[in-house]
Protein backbone atom coordinates (compact mmCIF):
# COMPACT_ATOMS: atom_id res chain seq x y z
CA MET A 1 42.50 35.52 -42.80
CA SER A 2 41.40 37.11 -46.02
CA GLY A 3 40.69 35.92 -49.53
CA GLN A 4 40.55 37.20 -53.04
CA MET A 5 39.55 36.00 -56.50
CA ALA A 6 42.65 35.12 -58.51
CA ASP A 7 42.93 34.22 -62.18
CA GLY A 8 43.02 30.53 -61.30
CA GLY A 9 40.04 30.71 -58.96
CA TRP A 10 39.34 31.52 -55.34
CA GLN A 11 42.43 31.62 -53.12
CA MET A 12 42.72 32.14 -49.37
CA ALA A 13 45.48 34.55 -48.38
CA GLN A 14 46.50 32.52 -45.33
CA PRO A 15 45.42 28.91 -45.96
CA GLU A 16 44.23 26.83 -43.05
CA ALA A 17 43.33 23.17 -43.07
CA GLU A 18 39.65 23.93 -42.56
CA SER A 19 39.06 25.70 -45.88
CA SER A 20 42.00 24.67 -48.03
CA PRO A 21 42.99 21.20 -49.21
CA SER A 22 44.31 19.04 -46.41
CA PRO A 23 45.76 15.95 -48.07
CA ILE A 24 47.13 13.14 -45.96
CA THR A 25 50.84 13.69 -45.58
CA HIS A 26 51.66 10.40 -43.89
CA HIS A 27 50.20 6.95 -43.59
CA PRO A 28 49.21 6.17 -40.02
CA SER A 29 50.37 2.84 -38.70
CA PRO A 30 47.70 0.16 -38.83
CA ARG A 31 45.88 -0.63 -35.63
CA SER A 32 47.58 -3.27 -33.57
CA PRO A 33 45.81 -6.65 -33.39
CA GLY A 34 42.95 -6.51 -30.94
CA ALA A 35 42.85 -2.71 -30.77
CA PRO A 36 39.35 -1.20 -30.99
CA TYR A 37 38.01 0.24 -34.23
CA ARG A 38 37.69 3.97 -33.56
CA ALA A 39 34.72 6.02 -34.76
CA GLY A 40 34.50 9.81 -34.81
CA TRP A 41 31.03 11.34 -34.66
CA ILE A 42 29.86 14.89 -35.29
CA HIS A 43 26.93 15.23 -32.90
CA PHE A 44 24.88 17.96 -34.57
CA THR A 45 21.11 17.58 -34.44
CA ASN A 46 21.03 16.73 -38.14
CA VAL A 47 22.60 13.31 -37.47
CA ALA A 48 20.47 12.55 -34.40
CA PRO A 49 18.26 10.11 -36.36
CA ILE A 50 21.36 7.98 -36.94
CA LEU A 51 23.42 8.44 -33.80
CA ASP A 52 20.88 8.86 -31.00
CA SER A 53 19.99 5.17 -30.82
CA LEU A 54 23.25 3.73 -32.14
CA VAL A 55 24.63 0.94 -29.97
CA LEU A 56 28.28 0.35 -30.76
CA PRO A 57 29.18 -3.30 -31.24
CA ALA A 58 31.94 -4.91 -29.24
CA GLY A 59 35.37 -3.77 -30.32
CA VAL A 60 34.29 -0.27 -31.42
CA THR A 61 34.86 2.97 -29.52
CA ALA A 62 33.77 6.52 -30.39
CA ILE A 63 34.75 10.13 -29.82
CA THR A 64 32.89 13.29 -30.79
CA GLY A 65 33.83 16.72 -32.13
CA VAL A 66 32.98 19.46 -34.60
CA PRO A 67 33.38 18.81 -38.35
CA THR A 68 36.93 20.15 -38.70
CA GLN A 69 38.07 18.12 -35.69
CA MET A 70 36.68 14.91 -37.15
CA ASN A 71 38.15 15.70 -40.57
CA ALA A 72 41.58 16.07 -38.99
CA ALA A 73 41.15 13.01 -36.77
CA LEU A 74 40.38 10.76 -39.73
CA LEU A 75 43.12 12.17 -41.93
CA SER A 76 45.73 11.83 -39.17
CA GLY A 77 44.69 8.31 -38.23
CA GLN A 78 43.30 9.18 -34.79
CA VAL A 79 39.98 7.60 -35.79
CA ASP A 80 39.20 4.91 -38.36
CA ILE A 81 35.78 6.11 -39.59
CA ALA A 82 34.03 9.47 -39.26
CA ASN A 83 31.09 11.40 -40.66
CA ILE A 84 33.32 13.98 -42.31
CA SER A 85 32.74 16.98 -44.54
CA ALA A 86 32.12 15.83 -48.09
CA VAL A 87 34.74 18.27 -49.35
CA GLU A 88 37.47 16.53 -47.31
CA PHE A 89 36.34 13.18 -48.71
CA ILE A 90 36.70 14.68 -52.19
CA ARG A 91 40.09 16.27 -51.48
CA ASN A 92 41.44 12.98 -50.15
CA ALA A 93 39.63 10.59 -52.50
CA ASP A 94 42.90 8.85 -53.34
CA VAL A 95 43.03 7.27 -49.88
CA LEU A 96 39.47 7.54 -48.55
CA GLU A 97 36.35 5.55 -49.32
CA ALA A 98 32.80 6.26 -48.13
CA LEU A 99 29.96 4.06 -46.99
CA PRO A 100 27.67 3.66 -50.01
CA ASP A 101 24.36 4.40 -48.32
CA PHE A 102 25.00 7.06 -45.66
CA SER A 103 24.87 10.81 -46.13
CA VAL A 104 23.74 14.09 -44.67
CA ALA A 105 22.11 15.72 -47.68
CA VAL A 106 19.18 18.00 -48.53
CA LEU A 107 17.17 18.96 -51.59
CA GLY A 108 16.57 22.67 -51.13
CA PRO A 109 16.99 24.60 -47.87
CA VAL A 110 18.96 23.11 -45.00
CA TYR A 111 18.21 25.90 -42.42
CA SER A 112 21.52 25.37 -40.60
CA VAL A 113 24.18 26.50 -43.10
CA ASN A 114 23.46 30.18 -43.48
CA LEU A 115 25.05 33.41 -44.59
CA PHE A 116 23.61 36.25 -42.49
CA HIS A 117 24.13 39.59 -44.21
CA THR A 118 23.06 43.21 -43.94
CA ARG A 119 23.60 44.14 -47.59
CA PRO A 120 22.51 42.52 -50.85
CA LEU A 121 24.87 39.67 -51.71
CA GLU A 122 26.38 41.63 -54.58
CA GLU A 123 27.38 44.37 -52.13
CA VAL A 124 28.80 42.18 -49.34
CA ARG A 125 32.47 43.07 -48.90
CA ARG A 126 33.57 41.45 -45.63
CA VAL A 127 32.48 37.99 -44.45
CA ALA A 128 33.20 36.28 -41.13
CA LEU A 129 33.89 32.55 -41.50
CA THR A 130 33.49 29.86 -38.87
CA ALA A 131 36.48 27.61 -38.24
CA GLN A 132 34.17 24.68 -37.39
CA SER A 133 33.30 23.62 -40.93
CA ALA A 134 35.23 22.88 -44.11
CA MET A 135 32.10 22.07 -46.09
CA SER A 136 30.25 25.34 -45.60
CA VAL A 137 33.30 27.43 -46.49
CA ALA A 138 33.92 25.41 -49.66
CA LEU A 139 30.27 25.71 -50.67
CA LEU A 140 30.30 29.45 -50.02
CA GLU A 141 33.41 29.79 -52.18
CA VAL A 142 31.71 27.94 -55.05
CA LEU A 143 28.56 30.05 -54.81
CA LEU A 144 30.55 33.29 -54.67
CA ARG A 145 32.62 32.25 -57.65
CA GLU A 146 29.51 31.37 -59.65
CA ARG A 147 28.20 34.89 -59.00
CA GLY A 148 31.54 36.52 -59.78
CA LEU A 149 31.83 37.89 -56.23
CA SER A 150 35.01 38.22 -54.18
CA PRO A 151 34.44 39.60 -50.68
CA VAL A 152 37.17 39.52 -48.07
CA LEU A 153 36.91 36.34 -45.96
CA GLU A 154 38.09 36.41 -42.34
CA ARG A 155 38.10 33.95 -39.45
CA ALA A 156 35.86 35.15 -36.64
CA GLU A 157 33.77 33.22 -34.13
CA GLY A 158 30.60 34.48 -32.52
CA GLU A 159 26.89 34.84 -33.09
CA ALA A 160 25.82 36.39 -36.36
CA GLU A 161 24.20 39.51 -34.93
CA THR A 162 27.23 40.21 -32.73
CA LEU A 163 29.66 39.96 -35.64
CA LEU A 164 27.43 42.01 -37.91
CA ALA A 165 27.42 44.73 -35.25
CA GLN A 166 31.24 44.61 -35.21
CA GLY A 167 31.49 45.63 -38.85
CA PHE A 168 31.15 42.45 -40.88
CA ASP A 169 28.41 42.67 -43.47
CA GLY A 170 28.22 38.89 -43.85
CA VAL A 171 28.58 36.05 -41.33
CA LEU A 172 28.68 32.33 -42.16
CA ARG A 173 27.15 30.13 -39.46
CA ILE A 174 26.60 26.37 -39.32
CA GLY A 175 24.99 23.66 -37.25
CA ASP A 176 22.62 23.92 -34.32
CA SER A 177 23.63 27.49 -33.51
CA ALA A 178 22.90 28.55 -37.09
CA LEU A 179 19.47 26.93 -36.89
CA ARG A 180 18.69 28.83 -33.68
CA GLU A 181 19.98 32.10 -35.10
CA TRP A 182 18.01 31.61 -38.33
CA TYR A 183 14.83 31.17 -36.30
CA GLY A 184 15.72 34.15 -34.14
CA VAL A 185 15.83 36.33 -37.25
CA VAL A 186 12.91 35.02 -39.31
CA GLY A 187 10.61 33.53 -36.63
CA PRO A 188 8.38 32.99 -34.88
CA LEU A 189 6.42 30.16 -36.41
CA THR A 190 2.68 30.63 -35.87
CA PRO A 191 -0.32 28.36 -36.48
CA GLU A 192 -0.82 30.27 -39.75
CA THR A 193 2.76 29.89 -41.04
CA THR A 194 5.03 27.05 -42.10
CA MET A 195 8.81 26.70 -42.24
CA THR A 196 8.77 27.32 -45.99
CA SER A 197 6.62 30.43 -45.68
CA LEU A 198 8.85 32.20 -43.18
CA PRO A 199 10.61 35.26 -44.62
CA HIS A 200 14.25 35.34 -45.68
CA ALA A 201 14.86 38.70 -44.01
CA ALA A 202 13.82 40.58 -40.88
CA ARG A 203 15.19 43.36 -38.67
CA GLY A 204 17.64 44.41 -41.36
CA ILE A 205 19.25 40.97 -41.68
CA THR A 206 18.90 38.68 -44.70
CA VAL A 207 19.51 34.95 -44.29
CA THR A 208 20.81 33.17 -47.39
CA ASP A 209 20.56 29.39 -47.08
CA LEU A 210 23.57 27.96 -48.92
CA ALA A 211 21.91 24.64 -49.74
CA GLU A 212 18.92 26.47 -51.20
CA GLU A 213 21.29 28.56 -53.32
CA TRP A 214 22.98 25.36 -54.52
CA PHE A 215 19.60 23.93 -55.55
CA ARG A 216 18.78 27.11 -57.46
CA LEU A 217 22.13 26.88 -59.21
CA THR A 218 22.12 23.17 -60.10
CA GLY A 219 18.71 21.62 -59.39
CA HIS A 220 20.48 18.88 -57.39
CA PRO A 221 20.59 17.91 -53.72
CA PHE A 222 23.61 18.99 -51.72
CA THR A 223 25.55 16.39 -49.74
CA PHE A 224 27.21 17.94 -46.71
CA ALA A 225 28.75 14.84 -45.15
CA VAL A 226 29.55 11.20 -45.77
CA TRP A 227 30.84 8.42 -43.54
CA ALA A 228 34.40 7.86 -44.72
CA TYR A 229 37.33 5.63 -43.82
CA ARG A 230 40.72 4.72 -45.23
CA LYS A 231 40.48 2.31 -48.15
CA ASP A 232 42.87 -0.06 -46.39
CA ASN A 233 40.86 -0.02 -43.16
CA PRO A 234 37.11 -0.53 -43.81
CA PRO A 235 34.71 -0.68 -40.88
CA PRO A 236 33.63 -4.01 -39.40
CA PRO A 237 30.30 -5.20 -40.85
CA GLU A 238 28.82 -5.23 -37.35
CA LEU A 239 29.30 -1.47 -37.03
CA VAL A 240 27.73 -0.71 -40.41
CA GLN A 241 24.78 -2.97 -39.62
CA ALA A 242 24.33 -1.26 -36.24
CA MET A 243 24.34 2.13 -37.99
CA ARG A 244 21.70 0.97 -40.47
CA GLU A 245 19.51 -0.33 -37.66
CA ALA A 246 19.92 2.90 -35.69
CA ARG A 247 19.00 4.97 -38.76
CA ARG A 248 15.91 2.88 -39.37
CA ASP A 249 14.87 3.32 -35.75
CA GLY A 250 15.59 7.06 -35.75
CA ILE A 251 13.69 7.80 -38.94
CA GLY A 252 10.83 5.60 -37.74
CA HIS A 253 10.59 7.63 -34.52
CA LEU A 254 11.47 11.03 -35.90
CA ALA A 255 8.80 12.84 -33.89
CA ASP A 256 10.37 11.53 -30.68
CA VAL A 257 13.86 12.52 -31.86
CA ALA A 258 12.59 16.00 -32.73
CA GLN A 259 10.89 16.38 -29.36
CA ARG A 260 14.08 15.53 -27.46
CA HIS A 261 16.24 17.86 -29.49
CA ALA A 262 13.73 20.71 -29.55
CA ARG A 263 14.08 20.87 -25.77
CA LYS A 264 17.88 20.92 -26.03
CA LEU A 265 17.85 23.59 -28.73
CA GLY A 266 15.15 25.76 -27.17
CA LEU A 267 13.17 25.68 -30.42
CA PRO A 268 9.55 24.77 -31.20
CA GLU A 269 9.06 21.08 -31.84
CA ARG A 270 7.49 21.87 -35.23
CA VAL A 271 10.68 23.59 -36.34
CA VAL A 272 12.97 20.72 -35.37
CA GLN A 273 10.67 18.07 -36.80
CA HIS A 274 10.54 19.82 -40.19
CA TYR A 275 14.29 20.36 -40.02
CA LEU A 276 14.96 16.65 -39.54
CA TRP A 277 12.38 15.47 -42.09
CA ASN A 278 14.26 17.59 -44.60
CA PHE A 279 17.42 15.45 -44.56
CA ARG A 280 18.39 12.64 -46.91
CA TYR A 281 20.41 9.99 -45.09
CA HIS A 282 20.84 7.24 -47.73
CA LEU A 283 23.22 8.74 -50.35
CA GLU A 284 20.85 7.94 -53.19
CA ALA A 285 21.56 8.52 -56.88
CA PRO A 286 20.49 12.22 -56.88
CA ASP A 287 22.69 12.86 -53.84
CA ARG A 288 25.68 11.31 -55.58
CA LEU A 289 24.95 13.36 -58.70
CA GLY A 290 25.01 16.56 -56.64
CA LEU A 291 28.15 15.38 -54.86
CA HIS A 292 29.96 14.81 -58.15
CA GLU A 293 28.88 18.20 -59.48
CA PHE A 294 30.13 19.92 -56.35
CA ALA A 295 33.39 17.96 -56.55
CA ALA A 296 33.96 19.17 -60.10
CA LYS A 297 33.35 22.79 -59.10
CA ALA A 298 35.20 22.79 -55.78
CA VAL A 299 38.11 20.39 -56.36
CA PRO A 300 38.90 20.17 -60.09
CA GLY A 301 41.08 17.19 -60.95
CA HIS A 302 40.22 15.25 -57.79
CA ALA A 303 40.76 11.49 -57.67
CA PRO A 304 37.72 9.31 -58.47
CA LEU A 305 35.26 9.06 -55.59
CA THR A 306 34.87 5.50 -54.37
CA PHE A 307 32.27 3.88 -52.16
CA GLY A 308 32.10 0.60 -50.32
CA PRO A 309 29.76 -2.22 -51.32
CA ARG A 310 26.05 -1.98 -50.73
CA PRO A 311 24.46 -4.80 -48.74
CA GLY A 312 24.81 -8.03 -50.73
CA GLU A 313 27.48 -6.66 -53.07
CA GLU A 314 31.08 -7.77 -53.28
CA ARG A 315 33.66 -5.26 -52.11
CA THR A 316 35.01 -3.19 -55.02
CA ARG A 317 37.10 -0.09 -55.48
CA SER A 318 35.25 1.14 -58.57
CA ALA A 319 34.44 4.82 -58.96
CA ALA A 320 30.88 5.94 -58.39
CA ASP A 321 28.68 6.37 -61.42
């Protein structure tokens, strides 16, 4: 697939659901009485502080997948709640609502949504896109548009260095693999260095952190994901309370979470601990501000974004401030 800058904005030559709007085209039948409430989880390391210790209440089941799979599952009615890409929440704001106090957001670098490139950004002509993420592609499109750049965008899966060697001069990578590949390029971390002091380039490869670029552009946090559900099918209070308790436990034992996942990722514990400390999981006012700014840039004319009630509030359908 390729893309080009058109008069009306960025357009993909062969649209796919992952990077182009994917509105709900039908209304799934409501769950039958007594059927379980179905959750869809994206099990990247960045949500480990919420999901690792989550105990599902009775009457709730869960499946897992990559971001685009969970986006599609929620929009098609295969699951009832999911931590989906914020851009899909925005694109489908007419029928979706989000939990008011859950997010995957950062203020500054995220370390796991990266454009690896062998030329200066202004000279990048051909970029390989992952099919796993709607959010990262939409953010890349916004950042390219803000710079007046229009490289060719193509679907291609594989590690960054492999794809760069195949002729791409930019590769978009996300998630745990992107974190490992980032460290493989700019590491290692030594007793004398910190995560923030590591270089942005090494061995002829530059790593541009898309969340860091967003912060430079706007000064706001970037919200990658929210926990969304259909407005006519909110989650049971027991599930939301269990999620809040799991988050509190995970953040309170972040060193233990980092230690477990560092072993799985094959990365130094210091790297994973800093990575997790970096995230904002409560969808606070600055996160919503950044979310609204991104929505205006990425999906002009979108329906108002709505959020469920915070603890102690009555349920409303009012738009976020």
